[in-house]
């Protein structure tokens, strides 16, 4: 669906993109990650047709970005978007659809939970309502490719979960989604593959799970029971520390370690008060790449 081939972008003598290459498959949710100054925003703007690049090639379903946008193949939700303060959701949808030369898509207002506030002024909407409206407008012309730049920034937990659900439904309908986000947890749960940029170059591409596997540290199991746990009986667990009633165990075999711990608690008729697992995360690998470039 999207092909980026050896794209280079310069500002004066500074190369902000250095022969960046990747491709995005049909119906895929693909994340672009990178620290400030990595070139993430620049490559995203090049894909959106908002910025020219100096060398290389970008194709969206075989078209250059400007043609793809003009033909309605692409829908874009920018990180920072706004509408006239006094416009209501229904009028905004009418205006956007008129601009696209299509019938009003009021059904999208209903699909995104905006039907009840369709006459509410934009300035009085919550951040979550505004985000959902921007997404509905981006989808009004049924694009095959959707670009989302920090779509859940500033949302509360409930609004974030609702928007995640909408993104998953779009994928099920066949929309290819490019996501830029600073929320690593969001990327891990939503995305099929991830590209991490640093210093204008792609440093890593893979599934979130593949990238997390590169984090070289053990899992940590944090547990609290109603009685003292004897640490001498464990084969797969190594006690790291005791703190405020909790035991912290290291393990390089999470499944066996958990089974060993839970079986011990059950066999001794202890009550399990609390248990949590600290596993290597995408954020850890991202920070490593951002700092060290490897």
C-alpha atoms as a PDB file:
ATOM      1  CA  UNK A   1       0.000   0.000   0.000  1.00  0.00           C
ATOM      2  CA  UNK A   2       2.828   2.405   0.843  1.00  0.00           C
ATOM      3  CA  UNK A   3       6.374   2.215  -0.507  1.00  0.00           C
ATOM      4  CA  UNK A   4       9.132   4.495   0.756  1.00  0.00           C
ATOM      5  CA  UNK A   5      12.392   4.034  -1.139  1.00  0.00           C
ATOM      6  CA  UNK A   6      15.684   5.692  -0.131  1.00  0.00           C
ATOM      7  CA  UNK A   7      14.050   9.013   0.728  1.00  0.00           C
ATOM      8  CA  UNK A   8      16.464  11.829   1.613  1.00  0.00           C
ATOM      9  CA  UNK A   9      15.471  15.281   2.828  1.00  0.00           C
ATOM     10  CA  UNK A  10      17.833  18.188   3.457  1.00  0.00           C
ATOM     11  CA  UNK A  11      17.459  21.576   5.064  1.00  0.00           C
ATOM     12  CA  UNK A  12      20.497  23.431   3.813  1.00  0.00           C
ATOM     13  CA  UNK A  13      23.483  21.209   4.563  1.00  0.00           C
ATOM     14  CA  UNK A  14      21.652  19.181   7.201  1.00  0.00           C
ATOM     15  CA  UNK A  15      20.204  15.817   6.230  1.00  0.00           C
ATOM     16  CA  UNK A  16      17.116  15.172   8.336  1.00  0.00           C
ATOM     17  CA  UNK A  17      16.238  11.993   6.380  1.00  0.00           C
ATOM     18  CA  UNK A  18      18.998   9.709   5.159  1.00  0.00           C
ATOM     19  CA  UNK A  19      17.876   7.184   2.539  1.00  0.00           C
ATOM     20  CA  UNK A  20      14.837   6.073   4.534  1.00  0.00           C
ATOM     21  CA  UNK A  21      13.173   2.926   3.176  1.00  0.00           C
ATOM     22  CA  UNK A  22      10.230   0.832   4.333  1.00  0.00           C
ATOM     23  CA  UNK A  23       6.917  -0.492   3.058  1.00  0.00           C
ATOM     24  CA  UNK A  24       3.483  -0.853   4.627  1.00  0.00           C
ATOM     25  CA  UNK A  25       1.184  -3.732   3.762  1.00  0.00           C
ATOM     26  CA  UNK A  26      -2.538  -3.660   3.062  1.00  0.00           C
ATOM     27  CA  UNK A  27      -4.771  -3.665   6.185  1.00  0.00           C
ATOM     28  CA  UNK A  28      -1.746  -3.162   8.425  1.00  0.00           C
ATOM     29  CA  UNK A  29      -1.473  -0.833  11.414  1.00  0.00           C
ATOM     30  CA  UNK A  30       2.071   0.475  11.104  1.00  0.00           C
ATOM     31  CA  UNK A  31       3.702   2.730  13.692  1.00  0.00           C
ATOM     32  CA  UNK A  32       6.357   5.341  13.043  1.00  0.00           C
ATOM     33  CA  UNK A  33       8.298   6.062  16.225  1.00  0.00           C
ATOM     34  CA  UNK A  34      11.158   8.391  16.915  1.00  0.00           C
ATOM     35  CA  UNK A  35      12.462  10.898  19.470  1.00  0.00           C
ATOM     36  CA  UNK A  36      12.351  14.629  18.807  1.00  0.00           C
ATOM     37  CA  UNK A  37      14.636  15.481  15.912  1.00  0.00           C
ATOM     38  CA  UNK A  38      14.661  11.924  14.536  1.00  0.00           C
ATOM     39  CA  UNK A  39      12.954  12.835  11.251  1.00  0.00           C
ATOM     40  CA  UNK A  40       9.656  11.145  12.116  1.00  0.00           C
ATOM     41  CA  UNK A  41       7.503  14.216  11.503  1.00  0.00           C
ATOM     42  CA  UNK A  42       9.358  14.983   8.266  1.00  0.00           C
ATOM     43  CA  UNK A  43       8.849  11.522   6.744  1.00  0.00           C
ATOM     44  CA  UNK A  44       5.219  11.581   7.832  1.00  0.00           C
ATOM     45  CA  UNK A  45       4.695  14.950   6.119  1.00  0.00           C
ATOM     46  CA  UNK A  46       6.401  13.615   2.983  1.00  0.00           C
ATOM     47  CA  UNK A  47       3.983  10.658   2.918  1.00  0.00           C
ATOM     48  CA  UNK A  48       1.056  13.059   3.413  1.00  0.00           C
ATOM     49  CA  UNK A  49       2.216  15.207   0.496  1.00  0.00           C
ATOM     50  CA  UNK A  50       2.741  18.209   2.769  1.00  0.00           C
ATOM     51  CA  UNK A  51       6.509  18.345   2.272  1.00  0.00           C
ATOM     52  CA  UNK A  52       8.811  17.763  -0.707  1.00  0.00           C
ATOM     53  CA  UNK A  53      11.779  15.415  -0.417  1.00  0.00           C
ATOM     54  CA  UNK A  54      15.078  15.734  -2.264  1.00  0.00           C
ATOM     55  CA  UNK A  55      15.816  12.162  -3.287  1.00  0.00           C
ATOM     56  CA  UNK A  56      14.077   8.822  -3.382  1.00  0.00           C
ATOM     57  CA  UNK A  57      10.510   7.804  -4.040  1.00  0.00           C
ATOM     58  CA  UNK A  58       7.224   7.508  -2.148  1.00  0.00           C
ATOM     59  CA  UNK A  59       4.251   5.665  -3.607  1.00  0.00           C
ATOM     60  CA  UNK A  60       0.783   5.186  -2.121  1.00  0.00           C
ATOM     61  CA  UNK A  61      -1.056   2.492  -4.057  1.00  0.00           C
ATOM     62  CA  UNK A  62       1.255   3.280  -6.957  1.00  0.00           C
ATOM     63  CA  UNK A  63       0.655   7.044  -6.869  1.00  0.00           C
ATOM     64  CA  UNK A  64       2.814   9.858  -5.575  1.00  0.00           C
ATOM     65  CA  UNK A  65       1.540  11.417  -2.317  1.00  0.00           C
ATOM     66  CA  UNK A  66      -0.041  14.489  -3.949  1.00  0.00           C
ATOM     67  CA  UNK A  67      -1.983  12.342  -6.449  1.00  0.00           C
ATOM     68  CA  UNK A  68      -3.068   9.910  -3.730  1.00  0.00           C
ATOM     69  CA  UNK A  69      -4.453  12.738  -1.574  1.00  0.00           C
ATOM     70  CA  UNK A  70      -6.184  14.346  -4.569  1.00  0.00           C
ATOM     71  CA  UNK A  71      -7.849  11.044  -5.525  1.00  0.00           C
ATOM     72  CA  UNK A  72      -9.133  10.533  -1.971  1.00  0.00           C
ATOM     73  CA  UNK A  73      -6.998   7.485  -1.257  1.00  0.00           C
ATOM     74  CA  UNK A  74      -5.599   9.070   1.903  1.00  0.00           C
ATOM     75  CA  UNK A  75      -7.301  10.371   5.030  1.00  0.00           C
ATOM     76  CA  UNK A  76      -5.248  12.402   7.504  1.00  0.00           C
ATOM     77  CA  UNK A  77      -5.742  13.276  11.148  1.00  0.00           C
ATOM     78  CA  UNK A  78      -3.036  15.761  12.046  1.00  0.00           C
ATOM     79  CA  UNK A  79      -1.541  16.034  15.517  1.00  0.00           C
ATOM     80  CA  UNK A  80      -2.779  19.596  15.808  1.00  0.00           C
ATOM     81  CA  UNK A  81      -6.136  20.269  14.165  1.00  0.00           C
ATOM     82  CA  UNK A  82      -8.851  22.815  14.771  1.00  0.00           C
ATOM     83  CA  UNK A  83     -12.152  23.983  13.364  1.00  0.00           C
ATOM     84  CA  UNK A  84     -13.970  27.315  13.637  1.00  0.00           C
ATOM     85  CA  UNK A  85     -15.065  27.707  17.255  1.00  0.00           C
ATOM     86  CA  UNK A  86     -18.750  28.175  16.495  1.00  0.00           C
ATOM     87  CA  UNK A  87     -19.161  25.374  13.953  1.00  0.00           C
ATOM     88  CA  UNK A  88     -21.100  22.301  15.082  1.00  0.00           C
ATOM     89  CA  UNK A  89     -20.253  18.689  14.275  1.00  0.00           C
ATOM     90  CA  UNK A  90     -23.070  18.299  11.757  1.00  0.00           C
ATOM     91  CA  UNK A  91     -22.129  21.453   9.845  1.00  0.00           C
ATOM     92  CA  UNK A  92     -18.440  20.474   9.886  1.00  0.00           C
ATOM     93  CA  UNK A  93     -19.320  17.136   8.288  1.00  0.00           C
ATOM     94  CA  UNK A  94     -21.517  18.870   5.690  1.00  0.00           C
ATOM     95  CA  UNK A  95     -18.720  21.302   4.851  1.00  0.00           C
ATOM     96  CA  UNK A  96     -16.038  18.625   4.512  1.00  0.00           C
ATOM     97  CA  UNK A  97     -18.242  16.401   2.359  1.00  0.00           C
ATOM     98  CA  UNK A  98     -19.212  19.344   0.141  1.00  0.00           C
ATOM     99  CA  UNK A  99     -15.506  20.057  -0.330  1.00  0.00           C
ATOM    100  CA  UNK A 100     -14.939  16.407  -1.306  1.00  0.00           C
ATOM    101  CA  UNK A 101     -17.966  16.449  -3.614  1.00  0.00           C
ATOM    102  CA  UNK A 102     -19.786  13.656  -1.766  1.00  0.00           C
ATOM    103  CA  UNK A 103     -23.031  13.299   0.154  1.00  0.00           C
ATOM    104  CA  UNK A 104     -22.869  14.171   3.879  1.00  0.00           C
ATOM    105  CA  UNK A 105     -21.637  11.270   6.013  1.00  0.00           C
ATOM    106  CA  UNK A 106     -23.785  11.824   9.082  1.00  0.00           C
ATOM    107  CA  UNK A 107     -23.599   8.074   9.673  1.00  0.00           C
ATOM    108  CA  UNK A 108     -19.996   8.591  10.799  1.00  0.00           C
ATOM    109  CA  UNK A 109     -21.131  10.979  13.518  1.00  0.00           C
ATOM    110  CA  UNK A 110     -23.339   8.202  14.825  1.00  0.00           C
ATOM    111  CA  UNK A 111     -20.548   5.601  14.473  1.00  0.00           C
ATOM    112  CA  UNK A 112     -18.147   7.741  16.504  1.00  0.00           C
ATOM    113  CA  UNK A 113     -20.652   8.558  19.253  1.00  0.00           C
ATOM    114  CA  UNK A 114     -21.216  12.149  18.128  1.00  0.00           C
ATOM    115  CA  UNK A 115     -24.869  11.967  17.069  1.00  0.00           C
ATOM    116  CA  UNK A 116     -26.158  13.323  20.377  1.00  0.00           C
ATOM    117  CA  UNK A 117     -23.858  16.346  20.172  1.00  0.00           C
ATOM    118  CA  UNK A 118     -24.095  16.981  16.425  1.00  0.00           C
ATOM    119  CA  UNK A 119     -25.366  20.524  17.088  1.00  0.00           C
ATOM    120  CA  UNK A 120     -22.831  21.287  19.809  1.00  0.00           C
ATOM    121  CA  UNK A 121     -20.341  24.068  19.039  1.00  0.00           C
ATOM    122  CA  UNK A 122     -16.751  23.007  18.516  1.00  0.00           C
ATOM    123  CA  UNK A 123     -15.457  25.316  21.241  1.00  0.00           C
ATOM    124  CA  UNK A 124     -17.602  23.563  23.867  1.00  0.00           C
ATOM    125  CA  UNK A 125     -16.545  20.008  22.942  1.00  0.00           C
ATOM    126  CA  UNK A 126     -14.192  17.949  25.097  1.00  0.00           C
ATOM    127  CA  UNK A 127     -10.794  16.945  23.742  1.00  0.00           C
ATOM    128  CA  UNK A 128     -12.077  13.415  23.171  1.00  0.00           C
ATOM    129  CA  UNK A 129     -15.113  14.650  21.226  1.00  0.00           C
ATOM    130  CA  UNK A 130     -12.897  16.860  19.078  1.00  0.00           C
ATOM    131  CA  UNK A 131     -10.526  13.961  18.349  1.00  0.00           C
ATOM    132  CA  UNK A 132     -13.413  11.706  17.344  1.00  0.00           C
ATOM    133  CA  UNK A 133     -14.841  14.430  15.122  1.00  0.00           C
ATOM    134  CA  UNK A 134     -11.476  14.942  13.388  1.00  0.00           C
ATOM    135  CA  UNK A 135     -11.269  11.190  12.773  1.00  0.00           C
ATOM    136  CA  UNK A 136     -14.820  11.080  11.404  1.00  0.00           C
ATOM    137  CA  UNK A 137     -13.992  13.931   9.003  1.00  0.00           C
ATOM    138  CA  UNK A 138     -10.803  12.176   7.876  1.00  0.00           C
ATOM    139  CA  UNK A 139     -12.869   9.099   7.031  1.00  0.00           C
ATOM    140  CA  UNK A 140     -15.735  10.879   5.286  1.00  0.00           C
ATOM    141  CA  UNK A 141     -14.496   9.962   1.793  1.00  0.00           C
ATOM    142  CA  UNK A 142     -13.729   6.303   2.669  1.00  0.00           C
ATOM    143  CA  UNK A 143      -9.937   6.448   2.260  1.00  0.00           C
ATOM    144  CA  UNK A 144      -7.951   3.254   1.807  1.00  0.00           C
ATOM    145  CA  UNK A 145      -5.055   4.703   3.835  1.00  0.00           C
ATOM    146  CA  UNK A 146      -5.459   6.594   7.113  1.00  0.00           C
ATOM    147  CA  UNK A 147      -2.627   8.574   8.718  1.00  0.00           C
ATOM    148  CA  UNK A 148      -3.005   9.302  12.431  1.00  0.00           C
ATOM    149  CA  UNK A 149      -0.545  11.638  14.157  1.00  0.00           C
ATOM    150  CA  UNK A 150      -0.784  11.319  17.959  1.00  0.00           C
ATOM    151  CA  UNK A 151      -4.519  10.490  17.778  1.00  0.00           C
ATOM    152  CA  UNK A 152      -5.005   9.939  21.522  1.00  0.00           C
ATOM    153  CA  UNK A 153      -2.829  12.772  22.877  1.00  0.00           C
ATOM    154  CA  UNK A 154      -4.625  14.507  25.753  1.00  0.00           C
ATOM    155  CA  UNK A 155      -7.419  11.939  26.016  1.00  0.00           C
ATOM    156  CA  UNK A 156      -8.560  10.401  29.287  1.00  0.00           C
ATOM    157  CA  UNK A 157      -8.512   6.624  29.779  1.00  0.00           C
ATOM    158  CA  UNK A 158     -12.104   6.065  28.673  1.00  0.00           C
ATOM    159  CA  UNK A 159     -11.804   8.204  25.539  1.00  0.00           C
ATOM    160  CA  UNK A 160      -8.488   6.554  24.650  1.00  0.00           C
ATOM    161  CA  UNK A 161     -10.000   3.068  24.921  1.00  0.00           C
ATOM    162  CA  UNK A 162     -12.964   4.118  22.758  1.00  0.00           C
ATOM    163  CA  UNK A 163     -10.676   5.517  20.067  1.00  0.00           C
ATOM    164  CA  UNK A 164      -8.524   2.379  20.127  1.00  0.00           C
ATOM    165  CA  UNK A 165     -11.683   0.364  19.516  1.00  0.00           C
ATOM    166  CA  UNK A 166     -12.554   2.541  16.533  1.00  0.00           C
ATOM    167  CA  UNK A 167      -9.048   2.091  15.084  1.00  0.00           C
ATOM    168  CA  UNK A 168      -9.337  -1.700  15.362  1.00  0.00           C
ATOM    169  CA  UNK A 169     -12.728  -1.602  13.598  1.00  0.00           C
ATOM    170  CA  UNK A 170     -11.215   0.426  10.765  1.00  0.00           C
ATOM    171  CA  UNK A 171      -8.544  -2.221  10.281  1.00  0.00           C
ATOM    172  CA  UNK A 172     -11.230  -4.915  10.162  1.00  0.00           C
ATOM    173  CA  UNK A 173     -12.912  -2.926   7.385  1.00  0.00           C
ATOM    174  CA  UNK A 174      -9.697  -3.029   5.360  1.00  0.00           C
ATOM    175  CA  UNK A 175      -8.193   0.384   6.067  1.00  0.00           C
ATOM    176  CA  UNK A 176      -4.395   0.584   6.157  1.00  0.00           C
ATOM    177  CA  UNK A 177      -3.324   2.773   9.082  1.00  0.00           C
ATOM    178  CA  UNK A 178      -0.101   4.687   9.695  1.00  0.00           C
ATOM    179  CA  UNK A 179       0.206   5.707  13.331  1.00  0.00           C
ATOM    180  CA  UNK A 180       2.660   8.152  14.880  1.00  0.00           C
ATOM    181  CA  UNK A 181       2.605   8.078  18.659  1.00  0.00           C
ATOM    182  CA  UNK A 182       4.734   8.699  21.742  1.00  0.00           C
ATOM    183  CA  UNK A 183       2.614   6.239  23.711  1.00  0.00           C
ATOM    184  CA  UNK A 184       4.559   2.970  23.600  1.00  0.00           C
ATOM    185  CA  UNK A 185       1.804   1.009  25.342  1.00  0.00           C
ATOM    186  CA  UNK A 186      -0.632   2.193  22.668  1.00  0.00           C
ATOM    187  CA  UNK A 187       1.701   1.050  19.911  1.00  0.00           C
ATOM    188  CA  UNK A 188       2.223  -2.372  21.514  1.00  0.00           C
ATOM    189  CA  UNK A 189      -1.506  -3.135  21.712  1.00  0.00           C
ATOM    190  CA  UNK A 190      -2.556  -1.664  18.348  1.00  0.00           C
ATOM    191  CA  UNK A 191       0.214  -2.103  15.812  1.00  0.00           C
ATOM    192  CA  UNK A 192       1.226  -5.003  13.587  1.00  0.00           C
ATOM    193  CA  UNK A 193       4.684  -3.585  12.884  1.00  0.00           C
ATOM    194  CA  UNK A 194       6.842  -0.710  14.081  1.00  0.00           C
ATOM    195  CA  UNK A 195       9.606   1.385  12.508  1.00  0.00           C
ATOM    196  CA  UNK A 196      11.922   3.273  14.862  1.00  0.00           C
ATOM    197  CA  UNK A 197      13.798   6.283  13.505  1.00  0.00           C
ATOM    198  CA  UNK A 198      16.836   7.950  15.028  1.00  0.00           C
ATOM    199  CA  UNK A 199      19.134  10.529  13.478  1.00  0.00           C
ATOM    200  CA  UNK A 200      17.182  10.496  10.216  1.00  0.00           C
ATOM    201  CA  UNK A 201      17.536   6.748   9.673  1.00  0.00           C
ATOM    202  CA  UNK A 202      15.418   3.655  10.209  1.00  0.00           C
ATOM    203  CA  UNK A 203      17.132   1.787  13.026  1.00  0.00           C
ATOM    204  CA  UNK A 204      14.660  -1.016  13.499  1.00  0.00           C
ATOM    205  CA  UNK A 205      11.580  -2.483  11.818  1.00  0.00           C
ATOM    206  CA  UNK A 206       9.587  -5.408  13.171  1.00  0.00           C
ATOM    207  CA  UNK A 207       6.594  -6.464  15.196  1.00  0.00           C
ATOM    208  CA  UNK A 208       6.411  -5.042  18.722  1.00  0.00           C
ATOM    209  CA  UNK A 209       7.119  -8.531  20.076  1.00  0.00           C
ATOM    210  CA  UNK A 210      10.220  -8.949  17.903  1.00  0.00           C
ATOM    211  CA  UNK A 211      11.618  -5.612  19.022  1.00  0.00           C
ATOM    212  CA  UNK A 212      10.869  -6.275  22.699  1.00  0.00           C
ATOM    213  CA  UNK A 213      12.793  -9.562  22.473  1.00  0.00           C
ATOM    214  CA  UNK A 214      15.953  -7.514  21.897  1.00  0.00           C
ATOM    215  CA  UNK A 215      15.741  -6.090  25.421  1.00  0.00           C
ATOM    216  CA  UNK A 216      18.319  -8.091  27.365  1.00  0.00           C
ATOM    217  CA  UNK A 217      16.930  -8.367  30.862  1.00  0.00           C
ATOM    218  CA  UNK A 218      14.973 -10.859  32.915  1.00  0.00           C
ATOM    219  CA  UNK A 219      11.313 -10.712  33.842  1.00  0.00           C
ATOM    220  CA  UNK A 220      10.489  -9.496  37.345  1.00  0.00           C
ATOM    221  CA  UNK A 221       7.599 -11.045  39.302  1.00  0.00           C
ATOM    222  CA  UNK A 222       6.327  -8.942  42.199  1.00  0.00           C
ATOM    223  CA  UNK A 223       4.259 -10.915  44.692  1.00  0.00           C
ATOM    224  CA  UNK A 224       2.656 -10.526  48.117  1.00  0.00           C
ATOM    225  CA  UNK A 225       1.057 -13.326  50.159  1.00  0.00           C
ATOM    226  CA  UNK A 226      -0.488 -13.455  53.615  1.00  0.00           C
ATOM    227  CA  UNK A 227       2.422 -15.546  54.933  1.00  0.00           C
ATOM    228  CA  UNK A 228       6.160 -15.597  54.435  1.00  0.00           C
ATOM    229  CA  UNK A 229       7.263 -17.372  51.242  1.00  0.00           C
ATOM    230  CA  UNK A 230      10.269 -19.655  51.607  1.00  0.00           C
ATOM    231  CA  UNK A 231      12.622 -18.713  48.769  1.00  0.00           C
ATOM    232  CA  UNK A 232      14.735 -21.886  48.982  1.00  0.00           C
ATOM    233  CA  UNK A 233      12.279 -24.088  47.097  1.00  0.00           C
ATOM    234  CA  UNK A 234      12.415 -22.389  43.714  1.00  0.00           C
ATOM    235  CA  UNK A 235      14.324 -23.529  40.659  1.00  0.00           C
ATOM    236  CA  UNK A 236      13.212 -20.909  38.148  1.00  0.00           C
ATOM    237  CA  UNK A 237      12.984 -17.902  40.480  1.00  0.00           C
ATOM    238  CA  UNK A 238      15.754 -15.879  42.036  1.00  0.00           C
ATOM    239  CA  UNK A 239      14.916 -13.477  44.849  1.00  0.00           C
ATOM    240  CA  UNK A 240      15.969  -9.956  43.921  1.00  0.00           C
ATOM    241  CA  UNK A 241      14.751  -8.036  46.956  1.00  0.00           C
ATOM    242  CA  UNK A 242      12.128  -7.665  49.686  1.00  0.00           C
ATOM    243  CA  UNK A 243      10.366  -4.339  49.942  1.00  0.00           C
ATOM    244  CA  UNK A 244       7.319  -3.216  51.929  1.00  0.00           C
ATOM    245  CA  UNK A 245       5.858  -6.707  52.211  1.00  0.00           C
ATOM    246  CA  UNK A 246       6.547  -7.619  48.587  1.00  0.00           C
ATOM    247  CA  UNK A 247       8.996 -10.123  47.145  1.00  0.00           C
ATOM    248  CA  UNK A 248      10.670  -9.416  43.803  1.00  0.00           C
ATOM    249  CA  UNK A 249      11.824 -12.457  41.824  1.00  0.00           C
ATOM    250  CA  UNK A 250      13.906 -12.535  38.655  1.00  0.00           C
ATOM    251  CA  UNK A 251      13.246 -15.252  36.105  1.00  0.00           C
ATOM    252  CA  UNK A 252      14.346 -15.989  32.553  1.00  0.00           C
ATOM    253  CA  UNK A 253      11.485 -18.475  32.162  1.00  0.00           C
ATOM    254  CA  UNK A 254       8.294 -16.590  32.930  1.00  0.00           C
ATOM    255  CA  UNK A 255       5.888 -19.508  32.468  1.00  0.00           C
ATOM    256  CA  UNK A 256       7.823 -21.940  34.651  1.00  0.00           C
ATOM    257  CA  UNK A 257       8.554 -19.267  37.228  1.00  0.00           C
ATOM    258  CA  UNK A 258       4.885 -18.321  37.565  1.00  0.00           C
ATOM    259  CA  UNK A 259       3.771 -21.944  37.783  1.00  0.00           C
ATOM    260  CA  UNK A 260       6.372 -22.629  40.439  1.00  0.00           C
ATOM    261  CA  UNK A 261       5.333 -19.634  42.519  1.00  0.00           C
ATOM    262  CA  UNK A 262       1.584 -20.176  42.233  1.00  0.00           C
ATOM    263  CA  UNK A 263       1.853 -23.885  42.952  1.00  0.00           C
ATOM    264  CA  UNK A 264       3.863 -23.120  46.083  1.00  0.00           C
ATOM    265  CA  UNK A 265       1.236 -20.640  47.316  1.00  0.00           C
ATOM    266  CA  UNK A 266      -1.621 -23.064  46.595  1.00  0.00           C
ATOM    267  CA  UNK A 267       0.084 -26.096  48.122  1.00  0.00           C
ATOM    268  CA  UNK A 268       0.780 -24.185  51.349  1.00  0.00           C
ATOM    269  CA  UNK A 269      -2.771 -22.777  51.487  1.00  0.00           C
ATOM    270  CA  UNK A 270      -1.491 -19.215  51.408  1.00  0.00           C
ATOM    271  CA  UNK A 271      -3.671 -16.354  50.250  1.00  0.00           C
ATOM    272  CA  UNK A 272      -2.346 -14.480  47.218  1.00  0.00           C
ATOM    273  CA  UNK A 273      -2.721 -10.771  47.998  1.00  0.00           C
ATOM    274  CA  UNK A 274      -1.088  -9.247  44.936  1.00  0.00           C
ATOM    275  CA  UNK A 275       0.943 -10.260  41.895  1.00  0.00           C
ATOM    276  CA  UNK A 276       2.305  -8.311  38.943  1.00  0.00           C
ATOM    277  CA  UNK A 277       4.842  -8.920  36.180  1.00  0.00           C
ATOM    278  CA  UNK A 278       7.394  -6.425  34.928  1.00  0.00           C
ATOM    279  CA  UNK A 279       8.392  -7.633  31.462  1.00  0.00           C
ATOM    280  CA  UNK A 280      10.746  -6.003  28.954  1.00  0.00           C
ATOM    281  CA  UNK A 281       8.807  -3.404  26.977  1.00  0.00           C
ATOM    282  CA  UNK A 282       8.857  -1.618  23.650  1.00  0.00           C
ATOM    283  CA  UNK A 283       9.561   1.600  25.542  1.00  0.00           C
ATOM    284  CA  UNK A 284      12.819   0.177  26.935  1.00  0.00           C
ATOM    285  CA  UNK A 285      14.068  -0.746  23.450  1.00  0.00           C
ATOM    286  CA  UNK A 286      12.909   2.580  22.026  1.00  0.00           C
ATOM    287  CA  UNK A 287      14.833   4.510  24.683  1.00  0.00           C
ATOM    288  CA  UNK A 288      17.938   2.426  24.011  1.00  0.00           C
ATOM    289  CA  UNK A 289      17.774   3.135  20.281  1.00  0.00           C
ATOM    290  CA  UNK A 290      17.049   6.831  20.867  1.00  0.00           C
ATOM    291  CA  UNK A 291      20.082   7.177  23.174  1.00  0.00           C
ATOM    292  CA  UNK A 292      22.570   4.855  21.533  1.00  0.00           C
ATOM    293  CA  UNK A 293      21.280   4.523  17.973  1.00  0.00           C
ATOM    294  CA  UNK A 294      21.590   0.717  18.088  1.00  0.00           C
END
